[in-house]
PDB file of all heavy atoms in Angstrom:
ATOM      1  N   SER A   1       6.319  -4.271  -2.519  1.00  0.00           N
ATOM      2  CA  SER A   1       5.046  -4.515  -2.889  1.00  0.00           C
ATOM      3  C   SER A   1       4.074  -3.900  -1.853  1.00  0.00           C
ATOM      4  O   SER A   1       4.543  -3.414  -0.727  1.00  0.00           O
ATOM      5  CB  SER A   1       4.818  -6.086  -2.816  1.00  0.00           C
ATOM      6  OG  SER A   1       4.988  -6.539  -1.461  1.00  0.00           O
ATOM      7  N   ALA A   2       2.885  -3.796  -2.229  1.00  0.00           N
ATOM      8  CA  ALA A   2       1.780  -3.214  -1.438  1.00  0.00           C
ATOM      9  C   ALA A   2       1.756  -3.929  -0.033  1.00  0.00           C
ATOM     10  O   ALA A   2       1.552  -3.401   1.024  1.00  0.00           O
ATOM     11  CB  ALA A   2       0.446  -3.176  -2.055  1.00  0.00           C
ATOM     12  N   ALA A   3       1.877  -5.318  -0.123  1.00  0.00           N
ATOM     13  CA  ALA A   3       1.893  -6.116   1.037  1.00  0.00           C
ATOM     14  C   ALA A   3       2.972  -5.659   1.947  1.00  0.00           C
ATOM     15  O   ALA A   3       2.776  -5.742   3.175  1.00  0.00           O
ATOM     16  CB  ALA A   3       1.914  -7.594   0.726  1.00  0.00           C
ATOM     17  N   ASP A   4       4.221  -5.468   1.415  1.00  0.00           N
ATOM     18  CA  ASP A   4       5.352  -5.193   2.281  1.00  0.00           C
ATOM     19  C   ASP A   4       5.019  -3.822   2.995  1.00  0.00           C
ATOM     20  O   ASP A   4       5.337  -3.694   4.232  1.00  0.00           O
ATOM     21  CB  ASP A   4       6.576  -4.902   1.466  1.00  0.00           C
ATOM     22  CG  ASP A   4       7.005  -6.261   0.793  1.00  0.00           C
ATOM     23  OD1 ASP A   4       6.742  -7.250   1.289  1.00  0.00           O
ATOM     24  OD2 ASP A   4       7.676  -6.162  -0.254  1.00  0.00           O
ATOM     25  N   VAL A   5       4.491  -2.865   2.314  1.00  0.00           N
ATOM     26  CA  VAL A   5       4.247  -1.557   2.929  1.00  0.00           C
ATOM     27  C   VAL A   5       3.211  -1.708   3.979  1.00  0.00           C
ATOM     28  O   VAL A   5       3.279  -1.129   5.130  1.00  0.00           O
ATOM     29  CB  VAL A   5       3.798  -0.531   1.793  1.00  0.00           C
ATOM     30  CG1 VAL A   5       3.327   0.803   2.517  1.00  0.00           C
ATOM     31  CG2 VAL A   5       4.938  -0.271   0.864  1.00  0.00           C
ATOM     32  N   LEU A   6       2.142  -2.403   3.731  1.00  0.00           N
ATOM     33  CA  LEU A   6       1.024  -2.624   4.805  1.00  0.00           C
ATOM     34  C   LEU A   6       1.537  -3.415   5.981  1.00  0.00           C
ATOM     35  O   LEU A   6       1.155  -2.965   7.093  1.00  0.00           O
ATOM     36  CB  LEU A   6      -0.163  -3.357   4.074  1.00  0.00           C
ATOM     37  CG  LEU A   6      -0.896  -2.542   3.013  1.00  0.00           C
ATOM     38  CD1 LEU A   6      -1.985  -3.487   2.302  1.00  0.00           C
ATOM     39  CD2 LEU A   6      -1.758  -1.383   3.719  1.00  0.00           C
ATOM     40  N   THR A   7       2.396  -4.416   5.750  1.00  0.00           N
ATOM     41  CA  THR A   7       2.939  -5.180   6.900  1.00  0.00           C
ATOM     42  C   THR A   7       3.769  -4.343   7.787  1.00  0.00           C
ATOM     43  O   THR A   7       3.664  -4.305   8.990  1.00  0.00           O
ATOM     44  CB  THR A   7       3.739  -6.346   6.308  1.00  0.00           C
ATOM     45  OG1 THR A   7       2.825  -7.247   5.640  1.00  0.00           O
ATOM     46  CG2 THR A   7       4.244  -7.109   7.527  1.00  0.00           C
ATOM     47  N   ARG A   8       4.668  -3.529   7.093  1.00  0.00           N
ATOM     48  CA  ARG A   8       5.590  -2.666   7.882  1.00  0.00           C
ATOM     49  C   ARG A   8       4.783  -1.546   8.703  1.00  0.00           C
ATOM     50  O   ARG A   8       5.040  -1.251   9.786  1.00  0.00           O
ATOM     51  CB  ARG A   8       6.500  -1.960   6.965  1.00  0.00           C
ATOM     52  CG  ARG A   8       7.436  -0.996   7.520  1.00  0.00           C
ATOM     53  CD  ARG A   8       8.533  -1.610   8.362  1.00  0.00           C
ATOM     54  NE  ARG A   8       9.460  -0.601   8.970  1.00  0.00           N
ATOM     55  CZ  ARG A   8      10.619  -0.941   9.647  1.00  0.00           C
ATOM     56  NH1 ARG A   8      10.931  -2.201   9.814  1.00  0.00           N
ATOM     57  NH2 ARG A   8      11.366  -0.018  10.170  1.00  0.00           N
ATOM     58  N   HIS A   9       3.739  -1.080   8.020  1.00  0.00           N
ATOM     59  CA  HIS A   9       2.926  -0.015   8.608  1.00  0.00           C
ATOM     60  C   HIS A   9       2.138  -0.663   9.790  1.00  0.00           C
ATOM     61  O   HIS A   9       1.975   0.046  10.891  1.00  0.00           O
ATOM     62  CB  HIS A   9       1.842   0.550   7.635  1.00  0.00           C
ATOM     63  CG  HIS A   9       1.093   1.695   8.170  1.00  0.00           C
ATOM     64  ND1 HIS A   9       1.646   3.045   8.249  1.00  0.00           N
ATOM     65  CD2 HIS A   9      -0.157   1.704   8.778  1.00  0.00           C
ATOM     66  CE1 HIS A   9       0.592   3.848   8.921  1.00  0.00           C
ATOM     67  NE2 HIS A   9      -0.369   3.074   9.244  1.00  0.00           N
ATOM     68  N   ALA A  10       1.647  -1.810   9.719  1.00  0.00           N
ATOM     69  CA  ALA A  10       0.984  -2.538  10.792  1.00  0.00           C
ATOM     70  C   ALA A  10       1.827  -2.681  11.939  1.00  0.00           C
ATOM     71  O   ALA A  10       1.349  -2.623  13.131  1.00  0.00           O
ATOM     72  CB  ALA A  10       0.391  -3.786  10.372  1.00  0.00           C
ATOM     73  N   GLU A  11       3.175  -2.908  11.747  1.00  0.00           N
ATOM     74  CA  GLU A  11       4.147  -3.092  12.859  1.00  0.00           C
ATOM     75  C   GLU A  11       4.383  -1.855  13.647  1.00  0.00           C
ATOM     76  O   GLU A  11       4.506  -1.969  14.821  1.00  0.00           O
ATOM     77  CB  GLU A  11       5.415  -3.668  12.238  1.00  0.00           C
ATOM     78  CG  GLU A  11       5.220  -5.127  11.676  1.00  0.00           C
ATOM     79  CD  GLU A  11       6.507  -5.595  10.941  1.00  0.00           C
ATOM     80  OE1 GLU A  11       7.334  -4.778  10.811  1.00  0.00           O
ATOM     81  OE2 GLU A  11       6.545  -6.768  10.492  1.00  0.00           O
ATOM     82  N   ASN A  12       4.660  -0.791  12.994  1.00  0.00           N
ATOM     83  CA  ASN A  12       5.101   0.400  13.683  1.00  0.00           C
ATOM     84  C   ASN A  12       4.539   1.732  13.226  1.00  0.00           C
ATOM     85  O   ASN A  12       4.972   2.736  13.528  1.00  0.00           O
ATOM     86  CB  ASN A  12       6.559   0.591  13.738  1.00  0.00           C
ATOM     87  CG  ASN A  12       7.132   0.906  12.330  1.00  0.00           C
ATOM     88  OD1 ASN A  12       6.548   0.649  11.304  1.00  0.00           O
ATOM     89  ND2 ASN A  12       8.355   1.394  12.343  1.00  0.00           N
ATOM     90  N   GLY A  13       3.462   1.582  12.389  1.00  0.00           N
ATOM     91  CA  GLY A  13       2.821   2.864  11.854  1.00  0.00           C
ATOM     92  C   GLY A  13       1.592   3.256  12.549  1.00  0.00           C
ATOM     93  O   GLY A  13       0.954   4.270  11.972  1.00  0.00           O
ATOM     94  N   GLN A  14       1.148   2.776  13.605  1.00  0.00           N
ATOM     95  CA  GLN A  14      -0.043   3.163  14.193  1.00  0.00           C
ATOM     96  C   GLN A  14      -0.071   4.590  14.688  1.00  0.00           C
ATOM     97  O   GLN A  14       0.914   5.096  15.424  1.00  0.00           O
ATOM     98  CB  GLN A  14      -0.465   2.250  15.445  1.00  0.00           C
ATOM     99  CG  GLN A  14      -0.719   0.782  15.057  1.00  0.00           C
ATOM    100  CD  GLN A  14      -1.888   0.685  14.158  1.00  0.00           C
ATOM    101  OE1 GLN A  14      -2.976   1.202  14.523  1.00  0.00           O
ATOM    102  NE2 GLN A  14      -1.753   0.073  13.081  1.00  0.00           N
ATOM    103  N   GLY A  15      -0.945   5.443  14.174  1.00  0.00           N
ATOM    104  CA  GLY A  15      -0.913   6.880  14.557  1.00  0.00           C
ATOM    105  C   GLY A  15       0.101   7.696  13.909  1.00  0.00           C
ATOM    106  O   GLY A  15       0.377   8.751  14.170  1.00  0.00           O
ATOM    107  N   ARG A  16       0.799   7.024  12.810  1.00  0.00           N
ATOM    108  CA  ARG A  16       1.939   7.653  12.202  1.00  0.00           C
ATOM    109  C   ARG A  16       1.835   7.682  10.690  1.00  0.00           C
ATOM    110  O   ARG A  16       0.843   7.143  10.152  1.00  0.00           O
ATOM    111  CB  ARG A  16       3.195   7.082  12.644  1.00  0.00           C
ATOM    112  CG  ARG A  16       3.439   6.981  14.159  1.00  0.00           C
ATOM    113  CD  ARG A  16       4.802   6.312  14.601  1.00  0.00           C
ATOM    114  NE  ARG A  16       4.725   6.176  16.103  1.00  0.00           N
ATOM    115  CZ  ARG A  16       5.193   7.167  16.857  1.00  0.00           C
ATOM    116  NH1 ARG A  16       5.587   8.280  16.320  1.00  0.00           N
ATOM    117  NH2 ARG A  16       5.201   7.031  18.120  1.00  0.00           N
ATOM    118  N   ILE A  17       2.690   8.265   9.983  1.00  0.00           N
ATOM    119  CA  ILE A  17       2.739   8.393   8.559  1.00  0.00           C
ATOM    120  C   ILE A  17       3.722   7.360   7.897  1.00  0.00           C
ATOM    121  O   ILE A  17       4.933   7.361   8.390  1.00  0.00           O
ATOM    122  CB  ILE A  17       3.019   9.760   8.028  1.00  0.00           C
ATOM    123  CG1 ILE A  17       1.915  10.683   8.496  1.00  0.00           C
ATOM    124  CG2 ILE A  17       3.201   9.761   6.517  1.00  0.00           C
ATOM    125  CD1 ILE A  17       2.161  12.186   8.122  1.00  0.00           C
ATOM    126  N   SER A  18       3.324   6.570   6.973  1.00  0.00           N
ATOM    127  CA  SER A  18       4.264   5.853   6.101  1.00  0.00           C
ATOM    128  C   SER A  18       4.261   6.420   4.756  1.00  0.00           C
ATOM    129  O   SER A  18       3.183   6.754   4.263  1.00  0.00           O
ATOM    130  CB  SER A  18       3.884   4.321   6.067  1.00  0.00           C
ATOM    131  OG  SER A  18       4.052   3.749   7.266  1.00  0.00           O
ATOM    132  N   LEU A  19       5.451   6.696   4.205  1.00  0.00           N
ATOM    133  CA  LEU A  19       5.531   7.466   2.938  1.00  0.00           C
ATOM    134  C   LEU A  19       6.151   6.637   1.786  1.00  0.00           C
ATOM    135  O   LEU A  19       7.189   6.061   2.023  1.00  0.00           O
ATOM    136  CB  LEU A  19       6.414   8.682   3.284  1.00  0.00           C
ATOM    137  CG  LEU A  19       6.634   9.722   2.090  1.00  0.00           C
ATOM    138  CD1 LEU A  19       5.372  10.291   1.588  1.00  0.00           C
ATOM    139  CD2 LEU A  19       7.585  10.844   2.577  1.00  0.00           C
ATOM    140  N   VAL A  20       5.558   6.704   0.613  1.00  0.00           N
ATOM    141  CA  VAL A  20       6.092   6.011  -0.528  1.00  0.00           C
ATOM    142  C   VAL A  20       6.284   7.120  -1.570  1.00  0.00           C
ATOM    143  O   VAL A  20       5.216   7.729  -1.967  1.00  0.00           O
ATOM    144  CB  VAL A  20       5.183   4.948  -0.997  1.00  0.00           C
ATOM    145  CG1 VAL A  20       5.758   4.199  -2.230  1.00  0.00           C
ATOM    146  CG2 VAL A  20       4.723   3.969   0.106  1.00  0.00           C
ATOM    147  N   VAL A  21       7.458   7.286  -2.080  1.00  0.00           N
ATOM    148  CA  VAL A  21       7.700   8.354  -3.057  1.00  0.00           C
ATOM    149  C   VAL A  21       8.189   7.680  -4.378  1.00  0.00           C
ATOM    150  O   VAL A  21       9.192   6.939  -4.378  1.00  0.00           O
ATOM    151  CB  VAL A  21       8.868   9.280  -2.557  1.00  0.00           C
ATOM    152  CG1 VAL A  21       9.007  10.414  -3.469  1.00  0.00           C
ATOM    153  CG2 VAL A  21       8.469   9.801  -1.148  1.00  0.00           C
ATOM    154  N   MET A  22       7.392   7.951  -5.368  1.00  0.00           N
ATOM    155  CA  MET A  22       7.758   7.558  -6.666  1.00  0.00           C
ATOM    156  C   MET A  22       8.161   8.581  -7.650  1.00  0.00           C
ATOM    157  O   MET A  22       7.930   9.844  -7.296  1.00  0.00           O
ATOM    158  CB  MET A  22       6.486   6.735  -7.316  1.00  0.00           C
ATOM    159  CG  MET A  22       5.970   5.631  -6.550  1.00  0.00           C
ATOM    160  SD  MET A  22       7.174   4.249  -6.566  1.00  0.00           S
ATOM    161  CE  MET A  22       6.327   2.985  -5.779  1.00  0.00           C
ATOM    162  N   ASN A  23       8.871   8.304  -8.745  1.00  0.00           N
ATOM    163  CA  ASN A  23       9.437   9.349  -9.568  1.00  0.00           C
ATOM    164  C   ASN A  23       8.464   9.903 -10.638  1.00  0.00           C
ATOM    165  O   ASN A  23       8.735  10.964 -11.127  1.00  0.00           O
ATOM    166  CB  ASN A  23      10.743   8.801 -10.267  1.00  0.00           C
ATOM    167  CG  ASN A  23      11.867   8.578  -9.308  1.00  0.00           C
ATOM    168  OD1 ASN A  23      11.895   9.159  -8.219  1.00  0.00           O
ATOM    169  ND2 ASN A  23      12.727   7.610  -9.666  1.00  0.00           N
ATOM    170  N   THR A  24       7.448   9.109 -10.899  1.00  0.00           N
ATOM    171  CA  THR A  24       6.489   9.702 -11.933  1.00  0.00           C
ATOM    172  C   THR A  24       5.056   9.495 -11.405  1.00  0.00           C
ATOM    173  O   THR A  24       4.774   8.716 -10.530  1.00  0.00           O
ATOM    174  CB  THR A  24       6.719   8.848 -13.238  1.00  0.00           C
ATOM    175  OG1 THR A  24       6.280   7.416 -12.995  1.00  0.00           O
ATOM    176  CG2 THR A  24       8.015   8.949 -13.792  1.00  0.00           C
ATOM    177  N   VAL A  25       4.225  10.221 -12.103  1.00  0.00           N
ATOM    178  CA  VAL A  25       2.742  10.113 -11.677  1.00  0.00           C
ATOM    179  C   VAL A  25       2.193   8.779 -12.001  1.00  0.00           C
ATOM    180  O   VAL A  25       1.455   8.256 -11.228  1.00  0.00           O
ATOM    181  CB  VAL A  25       2.004  11.276 -12.410  1.00  0.00           C
ATOM    182  CG1 VAL A  25       0.479  11.107 -12.173  1.00  0.00           C
ATOM    183  CG2 VAL A  25       2.422  12.657 -12.050  1.00  0.00           C
ATOM    184  N   SER A  26       2.565   8.190 -13.082  1.00  0.00           N
ATOM    185  CA  SER A  26       2.010   6.871 -13.541  1.00  0.00           C
ATOM    186  C   SER A  26       2.386   5.829 -12.505  1.00  0.00           C
ATOM    187  O   SER A  26       1.611   4.885 -12.209  1.00  0.00           O
ATOM    188  CB  SER A  26       2.550   6.501 -14.931  1.00  0.00           C
ATOM    189  OG  SER A  26       3.943   6.419 -14.976  1.00  0.00           O
ATOM    190  N   THR A  27       3.656   5.751 -12.139  1.00  0.00           N
ATOM    191  CA  THR A  27       4.144   4.617 -11.059  1.00  0.00           C
ATOM    192  C   THR A  27       3.440   4.927  -9.742  1.00  0.00           C
ATOM    193  O   THR A  27       3.089   4.008  -8.969  1.00  0.00           O
ATOM    194  CB  THR A  27       5.662   4.675 -10.980  1.00  0.00           C
ATOM    195  OG1 THR A  27       6.065   6.020 -10.657  1.00  0.00           O
ATOM    196  CG2 THR A  27       6.265   4.198 -12.101  1.00  0.00           C
ATOM    197  N   ALA A  28       3.207   6.293  -9.380  1.00  0.00           N
ATOM    198  CA  ALA A  28       2.574   6.570  -8.106  1.00  0.00           C
ATOM    199  C   ALA A  28       1.100   6.068  -8.100  1.00  0.00           C
ATOM    200  O   ALA A  28       0.614   5.523  -7.213  1.00  0.00           O
ATOM    201  CB  ALA A  28       2.610   8.049  -7.831  1.00  0.00           C
ATOM    202  N   LYS A  29       0.422   6.341  -9.257  1.00  0.00           N
ATOM    203  CA  LYS A  29      -0.915   5.934  -9.441  1.00  0.00           C
ATOM    204  C   LYS A  29      -1.085   4.384  -9.371  1.00  0.00           C
ATOM    205  O   LYS A  29      -1.949   3.903  -8.807  1.00  0.00           O
ATOM    206  CB  LYS A  29      -1.637   6.480 -10.688  1.00  0.00           C
ATOM    207  CG  LYS A  29      -1.767   8.021 -10.664  1.00  0.00           C
ATOM    208  CD  LYS A  29      -2.077   8.534 -11.991  1.00  0.00           C
ATOM    209  CE  LYS A  29      -3.425   8.083 -12.455  1.00  0.00           C
ATOM    210  NZ  LYS A  29      -3.784   8.739 -13.784  1.00  0.00           N
ATOM    211  N   ALA A  30      -0.121   3.752 -10.032  1.00  0.00           N
ATOM    212  CA  ALA A  30      -0.226   2.263 -10.107  1.00  0.00           C
ATOM    213  C   ALA A  30       0.054   1.652  -8.745  1.00  0.00           C
ATOM    214  O   ALA A  30      -0.695   0.682  -8.348  1.00  0.00           O
ATOM    215  CB  ALA A  30       0.830   1.716 -11.044  1.00  0.00           C
ATOM    216  N   PHE A  31       0.914   2.213  -7.899  1.00  0.00           N
ATOM    217  CA  PHE A  31       1.183   1.663  -6.607  1.00  0.00           C
ATOM    218  C   PHE A  31       0.036   1.943  -5.718  1.00  0.00           C
ATOM    219  O   PHE A  31      -0.386   1.147  -4.904  1.00  0.00           O
ATOM    220  CB  PHE A  31       2.438   2.294  -6.011  1.00  0.00           C
ATOM    221  CG  PHE A  31       2.950   1.573  -4.802  1.00  0.00           C
ATOM    222  CD1 PHE A  31       3.651   0.352  -4.917  1.00  0.00           C
ATOM    223  CD2 PHE A  31       2.617   1.934  -3.602  1.00  0.00           C
ATOM    224  CE1 PHE A  31       4.158  -0.342  -3.780  1.00  0.00           C
ATOM    225  CE2 PHE A  31       2.986   1.289  -2.354  1.00  0.00           C
ATOM    226  CZ  PHE A  31       3.762   0.093  -2.565  1.00  0.00           C
ATOM    227  N   TYR A  32      -0.522   3.198  -5.788  1.00  0.00           N
ATOM    228  CA  TYR A  32      -1.726   3.502  -4.969  1.00  0.00           C
ATOM    229  C   TYR A  32      -2.847   2.416  -5.259  1.00  0.00           C
ATOM    230  O   TYR A  32      -3.540   2.076  -4.315  1.00  0.00           O
ATOM    231  CB  TYR A  32      -2.123   4.865  -5.324  1.00  0.00           C
ATOM    232  CG  TYR A  32      -3.468   5.338  -4.633  1.00  0.00           C
ATOM    233  CD1 TYR A  32      -3.422   5.637  -3.349  1.00  0.00           C
ATOM    234  CD2 TYR A  32      -4.609   5.572  -5.379  1.00  0.00           C
ATOM    235  CE1 TYR A  32      -4.618   6.073  -2.721  1.00  0.00           C
ATOM    236  CE2 TYR A  32      -5.790   5.982  -4.762  1.00  0.00           C
ATOM    237  CZ  TYR A  32      -5.770   6.224  -3.497  1.00  0.00           C
ATOM    238  OH  TYR A  32      -6.996   6.716  -2.805  1.00  0.00           O
ATOM    239  N   ALA A  33      -3.055   2.125  -6.618  1.00  0.00           N
ATOM    240  CA  ALA A  33      -4.076   1.176  -6.907  1.00  0.00           C
ATOM    241  C   ALA A  33      -3.744  -0.140  -6.332  1.00  0.00           C
ATOM    242  O   ALA A  33      -4.716  -0.881  -5.833  1.00  0.00           O
ATOM    243  CB  ALA A  33      -4.244   1.196  -8.489  1.00  0.00           C
ATOM    244  N   GLU A  34      -2.498  -0.614  -6.349  1.00  0.00           N
ATOM    245  CA  GLU A  34      -2.111  -1.867  -5.724  1.00  0.00           C
ATOM    246  C   GLU A  34      -2.338  -1.857  -4.260  1.00  0.00           C
ATOM    247  O   GLU A  34      -2.818  -2.865  -3.762  1.00  0.00           O
ATOM    248  CB  GLU A  34      -0.649  -2.064  -6.111  1.00  0.00           C
ATOM    249  CG  GLU A  34      -0.128  -3.384  -5.573  1.00  0.00           C
ATOM    250  CD  GLU A  34       1.471  -3.560  -5.734  1.00  0.00           C
ATOM    251  OE1 GLU A  34       1.942  -2.788  -6.678  1.00  0.00           O
ATOM    252  OE2 GLU A  34       1.938  -4.385  -5.031  1.00  0.00           O
ATOM    253  N   LEU A  35      -2.154  -0.743  -3.543  1.00  0.00           N
ATOM    254  CA  LEU A  35      -2.329  -0.686  -2.110  1.00  0.00           C
ATOM    255  C   LEU A  35      -3.871  -0.860  -1.838  1.00  0.00           C
ATOM    256  O   LEU A  35      -4.307  -1.632  -0.990  1.00  0.00           O
ATOM    257  CB  LEU A  35      -1.966   0.671  -1.563  1.00  0.00           C
ATOM    258  CG  LEU A  35      -0.505   0.757  -0.988  1.00  0.00           C
ATOM    259  CD1 LEU A  35      -0.332   2.267  -0.579  1.00  0.00           C
ATOM    260  CD2 LEU A  35      -0.404  -0.136   0.122  1.00  0.00           C
ATOM    261  N   LEU A  36      -4.787  -0.143  -2.644  1.00  0.00           N
ATOM    262  CA  LEU A  36      -6.164  -0.327  -2.406  1.00  0.00           C
ATOM    263  C   LEU A  36      -6.624  -1.730  -2.687  1.00  0.00           C
ATOM    264  O   LEU A  36      -7.507  -2.243  -1.994  1.00  0.00           O
ATOM    265  CB  LEU A  36      -6.933   0.658  -3.313  1.00  0.00           C
ATOM    266  CG  LEU A  36      -6.663   2.177  -3.080  1.00  0.00           C
ATOM    267  CD1 LEU A  36      -7.572   3.035  -3.971  1.00  0.00           C
ATOM    268  CD2 LEU A  36      -7.051   2.557  -1.559  1.00  0.00           C
ATOM    269  N   ALA A  37      -6.079  -2.397  -3.706  1.00  0.00           N
ATOM    270  CA  ALA A  37      -6.470  -3.756  -4.069  1.00  0.00           C
ATOM    271  C   ALA A  37      -6.051  -4.684  -2.948  1.00  0.00           C
ATOM    272  O   ALA A  37      -6.828  -5.576  -2.572  1.00  0.00           O
ATOM    273  CB  ALA A  37      -5.894  -4.141  -5.440  1.00  0.00           C
ATOM    274  N   GLU A  38      -4.855  -4.412  -2.323  1.00  0.00           N
ATOM    275  CA  GLU A  38      -4.368  -5.355  -1.316  1.00  0.00           C
ATOM    276  C   GLU A  38      -5.240  -5.139  -0.034  1.00  0.00           C
ATOM    277  O   GLU A  38      -5.368  -6.159   0.718  1.00  0.00           O
ATOM    278  CB  GLU A  38      -2.913  -4.943  -0.967  1.00  0.00           C
ATOM    279  CG  GLU A  38      -2.266  -5.888  -0.078  1.00  0.00           C
ATOM    280  CD  GLU A  38      -2.003  -7.290  -0.479  1.00  0.00           C
ATOM    281  OE1 GLU A  38      -1.917  -7.456  -1.859  1.00  0.00           O
ATOM    282  OE2 GLU A  38      -1.859  -8.211   0.231  1.00  0.00           O
ATOM    283  N   MET A  39      -5.797  -4.037   0.172  1.00  0.00           N
ATOM    284  CA  MET A  39      -6.665  -3.758   1.388  1.00  0.00           C
ATOM    285  C   MET A  39      -8.061  -4.306   1.230  1.00  0.00           C
ATOM    286  O   MET A  39      -8.779  -4.314   2.190  1.00  0.00           O
ATOM    287  CB  MET A  39      -6.620  -2.228   1.746  1.00  0.00           C
ATOM    288  CG  MET A  39      -5.233  -1.731   2.128  1.00  0.00           C
ATOM    289  SD  MET A  39      -5.107   0.039   2.250  1.00  0.00           S
ATOM    290  CE  MET A  39      -6.411   0.244   3.653  1.00  0.00           C
ATOM    291  N   THR A  40      -8.462  -4.606   0.038  1.00  0.00           N
ATOM    292  CA  THR A  40      -9.828  -4.983  -0.310  1.00  0.00           C
ATOM    293  C   THR A  40      -9.923  -6.467  -0.010  1.00  0.00           C
ATOM    294  O   THR A  40      -9.196  -7.272  -0.607  1.00  0.00           O
ATOM    295  CB  THR A  40     -10.218  -4.636  -1.693  1.00  0.00           C
ATOM    296  OG1 THR A  40     -10.051  -3.320  -1.860  1.00  0.00           O
ATOM    297  CG2 THR A  40     -11.732  -5.021  -2.008  1.00  0.00           C
ATOM    298  N   PRO A  41     -10.884  -7.012   0.828  1.00  0.00           N
ATOM    299  CA  PRO A  41     -11.132  -8.369   1.048  1.00  0.00           C
ATOM    300  C   PRO A  41     -11.407  -9.090  -0.205  1.00  0.00           C
ATOM    301  O   PRO A  41     -12.181  -8.658  -1.014  1.00  0.00           O
ATOM    302  CB  PRO A  41     -12.269  -8.425   2.021  1.00  0.00           C
ATOM    303  CG  PRO A  41     -12.304  -7.070   2.649  1.00  0.00           C
ATOM    304  CD  PRO A  41     -11.855  -6.180   1.648  1.00  0.00           C
ATOM    305  N   ARG A  42     -10.701 -10.271  -0.462  1.00  0.00           N
ATOM    306  CA  ARG A  42     -10.964 -11.008  -1.634  1.00  0.00           C
ATOM    307  C   ARG A  42     -12.030 -12.040  -1.452  1.00  0.00           C
ATOM    308  O   ARG A  42     -11.964 -12.693  -0.369  1.00  0.00           O
ATOM    309  CB  ARG A  42      -9.680 -11.759  -2.114  1.00  0.00           C
ATOM    310  CG  ARG A  42      -8.516 -10.727  -2.415  1.00  0.00           C
ATOM    311  CD  ARG A  42      -7.305 -11.441  -2.790  1.00  0.00           C
ATOM    312  NE  ARG A  42      -6.182 -10.646  -3.189  1.00  0.00           N
ATOM    313  CZ  ARG A  42      -5.372 -10.203  -2.149  1.00  0.00           C
ATOM    314  NH1 ARG A  42      -5.511 -10.488  -0.906  1.00  0.00           N
ATOM    315  NH2 ARG A  42      -4.376  -9.291  -2.455  1.00  0.00           N
ATOM    316  N   PRO A  43     -12.852 -12.242  -2.363  1.00  0.00           N
ATOM    317  CA  PRO A  43     -13.966 -13.248  -2.281  1.00  0.00           C
ATOM    318  C   PRO A  43     -13.346 -14.650  -2.227  1.00  0.00           C
ATOM    319  O   PRO A  43     -12.354 -14.837  -3.173  1.00  0.00           O
ATOM    320  CB  PRO A  43     -14.957 -13.050  -3.371  1.00  0.00           C
ATOM    321  CG  PRO A  43     -14.171 -12.274  -4.346  1.00  0.00           C
ATOM    322  CD  PRO A  43     -13.159 -11.422  -3.573  1.00  0.00           C
ATOM    323  N   SER A  44     -13.907 -15.634  -1.428  1.00  0.00           N
ATOM    324  CA  SER A  44     -13.392 -16.991  -1.602  1.00  0.00           C
ATOM    325  C   SER A  44     -13.754 -17.634  -2.911  1.00  0.00           C
ATOM    326  O   SER A  44     -14.833 -17.442  -3.460  1.00  0.00           O
ATOM    327  CB  SER A  44     -13.781 -17.773  -0.410  1.00  0.00           C
ATOM    328  OG  SER A  44     -15.234 -17.733  -0.434  1.00  0.00           O
ATOM    329  N   LYS A  45     -12.876 -18.551  -3.427  1.00  0.00           N
ATOM    330  CA  LYS A  45     -13.167 -19.296  -4.670  1.00  0.00           C
ATOM    331  C   LYS A  45     -14.104 -20.514  -4.341  1.00  0.00           C
ATOM    332  O   LYS A  45     -14.950 -20.879  -5.164  1.00  0.00           O
ATOM    333  CB  LYS A  45     -11.877 -19.762  -5.335  1.00  0.00           C
ATOM    334  CG  LYS A  45     -11.027 -18.549  -5.740  1.00  0.00           C
ATOM    335  CD  LYS A  45      -9.847 -19.096  -6.437  1.00  0.00           C
ATOM    336  CE  LYS A  45      -8.884 -17.787  -6.899  1.00  0.00           C
ATOM    337  NZ  LYS A  45      -7.660 -18.384  -7.550  1.00  0.00           N
TER     338      LYS A  45
END
């Protein structure tokens, strides 16, 4: 999940590259959108 990738990057990715490789353009675009959504602050209910 995007949360898994962000958590792992926060642990040891400072100043470094974390790489996610997908087999198709559609899955890469979907995961990229999920990452951006996970990094966007959510308004409180």
